[in-house]
Protein backbone atom coordinates (compact mmCIF):
# COMPACT_ATOMS: atom_id res chain seq x y z
CA MET A 1 -11.25 -21.86 30.62
CA ASN A 2 -14.07 -19.56 30.97
CA PHE A 3 -15.02 -18.10 28.02
CA GLU A 4 -18.04 -16.65 29.48
CA HIS A 5 -18.08 -12.91 28.58
CA THR A 6 -17.68 -10.07 31.48
CA GLU A 7 -20.59 -8.27 32.40
CA GLU A 8 -19.13 -5.23 31.10
CA ARG A 9 -18.73 -6.86 27.98
CA ARG A 10 -22.60 -8.21 27.42
CA MET A 11 -23.60 -5.14 28.09
CA LEU A 12 -21.03 -3.45 25.53
CA ALA A 13 -22.91 -6.08 23.00
CA ASP A 14 -26.23 -5.67 24.04
CA SER A 15 -25.62 -1.82 23.19
CA LEU A 16 -24.11 -1.72 20.10
CA ASN A 17 -26.04 -4.98 18.99
CA ARG A 18 -29.33 -2.57 19.62
CA PHE A 19 -27.67 0.68 18.37
CA ILE A 20 -27.00 -1.08 15.12
CA ALA A 21 -30.72 -2.70 14.49
CA GLU A 22 -32.23 0.49 15.21
CA GLN A 23 -30.22 2.95 13.58
CA TYR A 24 -28.01 1.03 10.53
CA SER A 25 -30.70 -0.65 8.61
CA PHE A 26 -29.24 -2.45 5.43
CA GLU A 27 -31.19 1.14 3.70
CA ALA A 28 -29.26 3.41 5.56
CA ARG A 29 -26.18 1.30 5.39
CA ASP A 30 -26.29 1.04 1.28
CA ARG A 31 -27.21 5.29 1.55
CA ILE A 32 -23.75 5.39 3.94
CA ALA A 33 -21.69 3.36 1.24
CA GLN A 34 -22.55 4.99 -1.68
CA SER A 35 -21.88 8.49 0.15
CA ALA A 36 -18.59 10.93 -0.77
CA HIS A 37 -17.49 10.00 2.52
CA GLY A 38 -18.06 6.60 2.28
CA PHE A 39 -19.31 6.64 6.05
CA SER A 40 -21.35 8.66 8.05
CA PRO A 41 -19.28 11.32 10.41
CA GLU A 42 -22.53 11.30 12.34
CA ILE A 43 -22.60 7.80 12.88
CA TRP A 44 -19.01 7.99 13.65
CA ARG A 45 -19.15 10.55 16.36
CA GLN A 46 -22.04 8.33 18.18
CA PHE A 47 -19.66 5.10 17.76
CA ALA A 48 -17.45 7.16 19.93
CA GLU A 49 -20.19 8.47 22.75
CA LEU A 50 -20.83 5.16 22.48
CA GLY A 51 -17.51 4.11 23.70
CA VAL A 52 -16.96 1.52 21.19
CA ILE A 53 -13.70 2.90 19.72
CA GLY A 54 -12.74 3.25 23.32
CA ALA A 55 -13.32 -0.53 24.26
CA LEU A 56 -10.51 -1.51 21.40
CA PHE A 57 -7.94 0.64 23.39
CA ARG A 58 -6.61 -1.00 26.16
CA GLU A 59 -6.47 1.08 29.57
CA THR A 60 -3.04 1.94 29.52
CA ASP A 61 -3.69 3.80 25.75
CA GLY A 62 -6.70 5.56 26.79
CA GLY A 63 -9.28 3.14 26.59
CA PHE A 64 -11.32 0.90 28.27
CA GLY A 65 -10.53 -2.36 27.19
CA GLY A 66 -8.37 -3.74 23.93
CA ALA A 67 -8.39 -7.38 25.23
CA GLY A 68 -9.26 -10.26 22.34
CA PHE A 69 -12.28 -10.62 23.50
CA ASP A 70 -13.38 -6.78 23.72
CA ILE A 71 -12.52 -6.74 19.95
CA ALA A 72 -13.94 -10.12 18.83
CA VAL A 73 -17.50 -8.56 20.70
CA VAL A 74 -17.32 -4.93 18.78
CA PHE A 75 -16.55 -6.83 15.29
CA GLU A 76 -19.50 -9.32 15.42
CA ALA A 77 -21.75 -6.57 16.35
CA LEU A 78 -20.20 -4.62 13.01
CA GLY A 79 -20.45 -7.76 11.30
CA ARG A 80 -23.93 -8.03 11.54
CA GLY A 81 -24.85 -4.78 10.69
CA LEU A 82 -22.31 -4.77 7.60
CA VAL A 83 -20.94 -1.32 9.41
CA VAL A 84 -18.53 0.48 7.04
CA GLU A 85 -17.01 3.27 9.29
CA PRO A 86 -13.54 2.87 9.83
CA LEU A 87 -13.08 1.53 13.03
CA LEU A 88 -10.47 -1.44 11.64
CA GLY A 89 -8.27 0.95 9.58
CA SER A 90 -8.30 4.09 12.43
CA ALA A 91 -8.96 1.82 15.82
CA VAL A 92 -7.46 -1.41 15.30
CA LEU A 93 -4.30 -0.97 12.87
CA ALA A 94 -3.29 2.58 12.95
CA GLY A 95 -4.39 2.68 16.37
CA GLU A 96 -2.27 -0.79 17.90
CA ALA A 97 0.77 0.55 15.46
CA ILE A 98 1.23 4.30 17.57
CA ALA A 99 0.37 2.42 20.90
CA ALA A 100 2.43 -0.17 20.38
CA ALA A 101 5.59 2.03 19.23
CA GLY A 102 4.75 5.85 19.91
CA ASN A 103 6.38 7.88 22.17
CA ASP A 104 4.54 9.85 24.52
CA ALA A 105 3.78 12.77 22.48
CA GLN A 106 3.08 10.69 19.37
CA LYS A 107 0.42 8.46 21.50
CA ALA A 108 -1.32 11.62 22.47
CA VAL A 109 -3.09 11.30 19.15
CA LEU A 110 -4.95 8.50 20.61
CA ALA A 111 -7.16 10.38 22.44
CA ASP A 112 -8.57 12.10 19.57
CA ILE A 113 -8.81 8.74 17.80
CA ILE A 114 -10.92 7.26 20.60
CA GLY A 115 -12.78 10.39 20.84
CA GLY A 116 -13.53 10.04 17.01
CA THR A 117 -12.64 13.47 16.12
CA THR A 118 -9.38 12.06 14.60
CA ILE A 119 -9.51 9.18 11.65
CA ALA A 120 -6.21 7.39 11.21
CA ALA A 121 -5.41 4.52 8.75
CA PHE A 122 -2.45 2.20 8.39
CA ALA A 123 -0.56 1.86 4.79
CA HIS A 124 1.38 -0.71 4.84
CA ASP A 125 0.87 -2.80 1.65
CA GLU A 126 2.25 -2.42 -1.12
CA PRO A 127 1.27 -3.42 -5.11
CA ASP A 128 2.40 -6.94 -5.79
CA THR A 129 3.67 -7.95 -1.81
CA HIS A 130 0.90 -10.57 -1.53
CA TYR A 131 0.94 -9.89 2.20
CA GLU A 132 4.14 -10.64 2.74
CA LEU A 133 4.93 -8.22 5.78
CA ALA A 134 8.34 -7.92 5.47
CA ARG A 135 8.20 -6.86 1.97
CA VAL A 136 8.26 -3.07 1.78
CA LEU A 137 9.68 -1.33 -1.11
CA THR A 138 9.16 2.43 -0.09
CA ARG A 139 12.36 3.84 1.28
CA ALA A 140 12.95 6.52 3.44
CA GLU A 141 16.34 8.20 3.76
CA ARG A 142 17.92 10.55 5.99
CA SER A 143 17.74 14.11 5.11
CA ALA A 144 19.50 17.03 7.31
CA ASN A 145 15.72 17.78 9.05
CA GLY A 146 14.58 14.19 9.04
CA TRP A 147 13.24 12.00 6.18
CA VAL A 148 12.34 11.73 2.93
CA LEU A 149 10.19 8.82 1.84
CA ASN A 150 9.19 7.87 -1.36
CA GLY A 151 7.44 4.82 -2.60
CA ALA A 152 3.41 3.56 -2.89
CA LYS A 153 1.33 2.13 -0.84
CA ALA A 154 -2.18 0.40 -1.72
CA VAL A 155 -5.87 -0.68 -0.51
CA VAL A 156 -5.64 1.45 2.21
CA LEU A 157 -8.85 1.41 4.12
CA GLN A 158 -10.73 4.91 4.48
CA GLY A 159 -7.23 6.91 3.64
CA GLU A 160 -9.05 9.62 1.52
CA ARG A 161 -11.13 10.79 5.00
CA ALA A 162 -7.92 9.97 6.84
CA ASP A 163 -6.08 12.74 9.17
CA LEU A 164 -3.01 10.82 9.51
CA PHE A 165 -1.20 8.25 8.32
CA VAL A 166 1.08 5.24 9.91
CA VAL A 167 2.92 4.77 6.95
CA SER A 168 6.13 1.33 6.69
CA ALA A 169 9.15 2.45 5.23
CA ARG A 170 12.65 0.63 5.07
CA THR A 171 15.05 2.74 6.12
CA ALA A 172 17.75 -0.14 5.64
CA GLY A 173 17.98 -3.53 4.36
CA ALA A 174 16.91 -4.93 1.40
CA VAL A 175 13.18 -5.96 0.06
CA GLY A 176 11.94 -8.80 1.99
CA ASP A 177 14.65 -8.52 5.73
CA GLU A 178 12.90 -8.55 8.78
CA ALA A 179 15.03 -5.85 9.69
CA GLY A 180 15.17 -2.15 8.94
CA ILE A 181 11.37 -1.40 8.37
CA SER A 182 10.72 1.57 9.90
CA LEU A 183 7.23 3.50 11.17
CA PHE A 184 6.57 7.16 10.47
CA LEU A 185 3.51 9.42 11.67
CA LEU A 186 2.35 11.92 8.81
CA SER A 187 -0.36 14.28 8.65
CA ALA A 188 -2.99 14.28 5.37
CA LYS A 189 -1.20 17.21 4.28
CA THR A 190 1.76 16.76 4.13
CA PRO A 191 3.60 17.81 0.67
CA GLY A 192 4.80 15.19 -1.42
CA LEU A 193 2.06 12.97 -0.38
CA ILE A 194 -0.69 11.89 -3.14
CA VAL A 195 -4.35 10.42 -1.96
CA ARG A 196 -6.50 8.69 -4.45
CA GLY A 197 -9.90 6.82 -3.04
CA CYS A 198 -11.99 4.11 -4.92
CA PRO A 199 -15.08 2.19 -3.48
CA THR A 200 -14.54 -1.64 -3.36
CA ILE A 201 -17.03 -4.39 -4.12
CA ASP A 202 -18.64 -5.04 -0.68
CA GLY A 203 -18.89 -1.40 -0.25
CA GLY A 204 -16.27 0.27 1.53
CA ARG A 205 -13.41 2.66 0.29
CA VAL A 206 -10.00 2.16 0.12
CA ALA A 207 -7.22 4.73 -1.47
CA GLU A 208 -3.97 3.68 -2.94
CA LEU A 209 -0.88 6.49 -1.42
CA SER A 210 1.84 8.30 -3.46
CA LEU A 211 5.14 9.50 -1.79
CA ASN A 212 6.69 11.43 -3.54
CA GLY A 213 9.97 13.24 -1.83
CA VAL A 214 7.67 13.29 1.28
CA ALA A 215 9.97 15.46 3.45
CA LEU A 216 9.48 14.96 7.34
CA ASP A 217 10.90 15.56 10.39
CA SER A 218 13.27 13.25 13.15
CA GLY A 219 9.93 13.65 15.04
CA ALA A 220 7.65 11.37 12.77
CA LEU A 221 9.56 8.50 12.98
CA LEU A 222 7.18 5.94 15.24
CA GLY A 223 9.72 3.78 17.45
CA VAL A 224 13.12 2.62 16.89
CA GLU A 225 15.00 3.03 13.81
CA GLY A 226 14.50 -0.72 11.69
CA GLN A 227 12.62 -2.06 14.07
CA GLY A 228 9.15 -1.77 13.27
CA LEU A 229 7.99 -5.17 12.04
CA ALA A 230 7.33 -6.04 15.57
CA ALA A 231 4.60 -3.39 15.86
CA LEU A 232 3.44 -3.93 12.81
CA GLU A 233 2.50 -7.73 13.30
CA ARG A 234 0.88 -6.62 16.39
CA ALA A 235 -1.41 -4.45 15.04
CA ILE A 236 -2.23 -7.02 11.72
CA GLY A 237 -2.87 -9.55 14.43
CA ARG A 238 -6.01 -7.82 15.93
CA GLY A 239 -6.21 -6.48 12.37
CA VAL A 240 -6.77 -10.28 11.62
CA LEU A 241 -8.89 -11.71 14.99
CA ALA A 242 -11.48 -8.17 13.92
CA LEU A 243 -11.82 -9.34 10.95
CA CYS A 244 -12.29 -12.94 11.99
CA ALA A 245 -15.09 -11.69 14.35
CA GLU A 246 -16.59 -9.65 11.96
CA ALA A 247 -16.83 -12.27 9.52
CA LEU A 248 -18.36 -14.13 12.09
CA GLY A 249 -21.32 -11.35 12.89
CA ALA A 250 -22.50 -11.71 9.02
CA MET A 251 -21.88 -15.37 8.75
CA GLU A 252 -24.20 -15.64 11.17
CA VAL A 253 -27.23 -12.98 9.83
CA ALA A 254 -26.38 -15.26 6.47
CA LYS A 255 -27.57 -18.06 8.08
CA ALA A 256 -30.65 -16.59 9.71
CA ALA A 257 -31.84 -15.13 6.39
CA THR A 258 -31.31 -18.35 5.01
CA LEU A 259 -32.92 -20.19 7.88
CA ASP A 260 -36.29 -18.07 7.29
CA TYR A 261 -36.34 -18.42 3.91
CA LEU A 262 -36.07 -22.16 3.96
CA ARG A 263 -39.07 -21.41 6.32
CA THR A 264 -41.44 -19.28 4.37
CA ARG A 265 -40.56 -20.22 0.49
CA LYS A 266 -42.73 -22.63 -1.42
CA GLN A 267 -42.06 -25.24 -4.13
CA PHE A 268 -44.62 -27.48 -5.31
CA GLY A 269 -47.11 -26.54 -2.56
CA VAL A 270 -44.84 -27.26 0.27
CA PHE A 271 -42.30 -25.09 2.49
CA ILE A 272 -38.28 -26.06 0.80
CA GLY A 273 -36.79 -26.56 4.28
CA SER A 274 -39.08 -29.56 4.13
CA PHE A 275 -36.80 -31.07 1.62
CA GLN A 276 -34.26 -33.81 3.60
CA ALA A 277 -31.23 -32.47 0.80
CA LEU A 278 -31.76 -28.58 2.37
CA GLN A 279 -32.16 -30.24 5.74
CA HIS A 280 -29.21 -31.68 5.57
CA ARG A 281 -26.87 -28.81 3.96
CA MET A 282 -28.36 -26.22 6.15
CA ALA A 283 -27.55 -28.98 8.89
CA ASP A 284 -23.62 -28.54 7.45
CA LEU A 285 -24.10 -25.26 7.32
CA LEU A 286 -24.64 -24.50 11.11
CA LEU A 287 -21.95 -27.10 12.05
CA GLU A 288 -18.70 -24.95 9.94
CA ILE A 289 -20.61 -21.61 11.53
CA GLU A 290 -20.22 -22.98 15.30
CA GLN A 291 -16.57 -23.96 13.70
CA ALA A 292 -16.18 -20.55 12.84
CA ARG A 293 -17.16 -19.30 16.37
CA SER A 294 -14.32 -21.86 18.39
CA ALA A 295 -11.49 -20.38 15.97
CA VAL A 296 -12.28 -16.85 17.17
CA ILE A 297 -12.98 -17.50 20.43
CA ASN A 298 -8.73 -19.34 20.28
CA ALA A 299 -7.59 -16.35 18.55
CA ALA A 300 -9.23 -14.00 20.95
CA ALA A 301 -7.92 -16.08 23.87
CA ALA A 302 -4.76 -16.33 22.37
CA LEU A 303 -4.34 -12.60 21.17
CA ASP A 304 -2.64 -11.20 24.54
CA ASP A 305 -0.50 -14.44 24.64
CA ALA A 306 3.30 -13.49 25.75
CA ASP A 307 4.69 -16.41 23.38
CA ARG A 308 4.30 -15.01 20.10
CA LEU A 309 4.25 -18.64 18.50
CA THR A 310 1.06 -19.47 20.57
CA ARG A 311 -0.33 -16.55 19.80
CA GLU A 312 0.36 -15.97 15.77
CA ARG A 313 -0.16 -19.81 15.27
CA ALA A 314 -3.96 -19.14 16.53
CA LEU A 315 -4.79 -15.62 14.73
CA SER A 316 -3.41 -17.43 11.31
CA ALA A 317 -5.38 -20.94 11.92
CA ALA A 318 -8.46 -18.42 12.37
CA LYS A 319 -7.81 -16.79 9.42
CA VAL A 320 -8.07 -19.86 7.87
CA SER A 321 -11.05 -21.45 8.90
CA ILE A 322 -12.73 -18.39 8.14
CA GLY A 323 -11.51 -17.97 4.96
CA ARG A 324 -12.95 -21.03 3.85
CA ILE A 325 -16.11 -21.60 6.07
CA GLY A 326 -16.93 -17.68 4.98
CA ALA A 327 -16.29 -18.41 1.14
CA LEU A 328 -18.66 -21.79 2.06
CA VAL A 329 -21.50 -19.87 3.91
CA ALA A 330 -21.79 -17.28 0.89
CA GLU A 331 -22.32 -19.61 -1.64
CA GLU A 332 -24.57 -22.05 0.11
CA SER A 333 -26.77 -19.11 1.54
CA ILE A 334 -27.14 -17.72 -1.96
CA GLN A 335 -27.84 -21.06 -3.88
CA MET A 336 -30.26 -22.07 -1.49
CA HIS A 337 -32.34 -19.04 -1.84
CA GLY A 338 -31.76 -19.27 -5.64
CA GLY A 339 -31.86 -16.56 -8.24
CA ILE A 340 -32.69 -13.88 -5.75
CA GLY A 341 -29.81 -14.30 -4.04
CA MET A 342 -27.49 -12.23 -6.59
CA THR A 343 -30.06 -9.48 -6.52
CA TRP A 344 -28.47 -6.48 -5.12
CA GLU A 345 -32.01 -5.39 -2.91
CA LEU A 346 -31.72 -8.54 -1.01
CA PRO A 347 -29.01 -7.95 1.68
CA LEU A 348 -27.90 -11.47 1.91
CA ALA A 349 -25.94 -10.69 -1.41
CA HIS A 350 -23.79 -8.04 0.08
CA TYR A 351 -23.22 -10.38 3.21
CA ALA A 352 -21.76 -13.25 1.13
CA LYS A 353 -19.47 -10.62 -1.08
CA ARG A 354 -18.26 -8.93 2.27
CA LEU A 355 -17.39 -12.35 3.31
CA ILE A 356 -15.23 -13.47 0.80
CA MET A 357 -13.67 -10.03 0.51
CA ILE A 358 -12.86 -10.71 4.17
CA ASP A 359 -10.73 -13.75 3.13
CA HIS A 360 -8.68 -11.28 1.11
CA GLN A 361 -8.46 -8.42 3.76
CA LEU A 362 -4.89 -8.85 5.74
CA GLY A 363 -3.68 -12.42 4.40
CA ASP A 364 -6.16 -14.85 2.70
CA GLU A 365 -6.40 -18.58 3.50
CA ASP A 366 -3.78 -19.89 0.97
CA HIS A 367 -1.27 -17.20 3.03
CA HIS A 368 -2.36 -18.04 6.51
CA LEU A 369 -1.96 -21.65 5.79
CA GLN A 370 1.19 -21.48 4.83
CA ARG A 371 2.37 -19.24 7.86
CA PHE A 372 0.69 -21.22 10.05
CA ILE A 373 2.92 -24.36 9.25
CA ALA A 374 5.72 -22.13 8.92
CA LEU A 375 5.45 -20.90 12.28
CA GLY A 376 4.94 -24.95 13.18
CA ARG A 377 7.94 -25.62 12.12
CA GLN A 378 9.75 -22.55 14.30
CA THR A 379 7.96 -24.44 17.15
CA ALA A 380 9.44 -27.49 16.35
CA ALA A 381 12.33 -26.31 15.86
């Protein structure tokens, strides 16, 4: 199989990497992350103009990419810059859920998402669900005019600034049943919806949602009632690939910073990079990062595979590898930097925090290892 990127993807990668290098310095990123918005509306607009958001959507949905390698190219570049703009939550997670399950009227909003004028948020996780996709406690009950939603959602990426939400709710069955989960599209201004935001340790922002008697008309139902799980799985699968590629970009930066430090830091009158023990540790780290790259390539190639088990196993396998290797890169890079590795002023510490946090998004290493084994048993059966 040929894993070389197309000319269009190479051009996209070059332009995005150049833009981030020129416009998204660590100091600028730090100011953006600590701002009231938690991201830069101006940078978000420029991402839209560069076609970065559109590259994450298929042509049939108004974009010009949307394949696994398009997602990988974009998010590896975002990982290099520790970009905090809401590409994951708006374009990948919410955008894919709308594209997968929405009708023509609902899909019309995708043009605004791609154009950067609308931010969507994906509200599926709930307190105490521990990454289990079908564990949905939020309920949606039929009313005379449509639906009434009650429940809570947690860790909604950039939920404070979202214009609309994709919300999962149970319309039938018991908690944990795969059937009976429905998706709803609702405005951030809907009465009864309360959004509370907070910062995350790695520089992003998330929100908790409370849905207290939120009344929706029948047109808010996204897709077929009770059959939302497949759309959720597809959206989260694309999110897993995006996170893995983002982690790969962050690893590359951490690797380069550590190599530079080993070549310039002196101890006992010699460069510490000449110490054999550190050379061995660095060599092991380089091999592990290449293993992570292979896992991302495998997941990107499998993303659009028609066979669900093949696709989902590749995604979970990549998340397991990224979780383990990301933690290793974070730990080893900081240790080889010594005490300075933990200082706020050094970008490396922020890359390390982001790598650790990526492991906990959309399922951690332990969760995806268990999932990979369970999917393997289904394949054998």
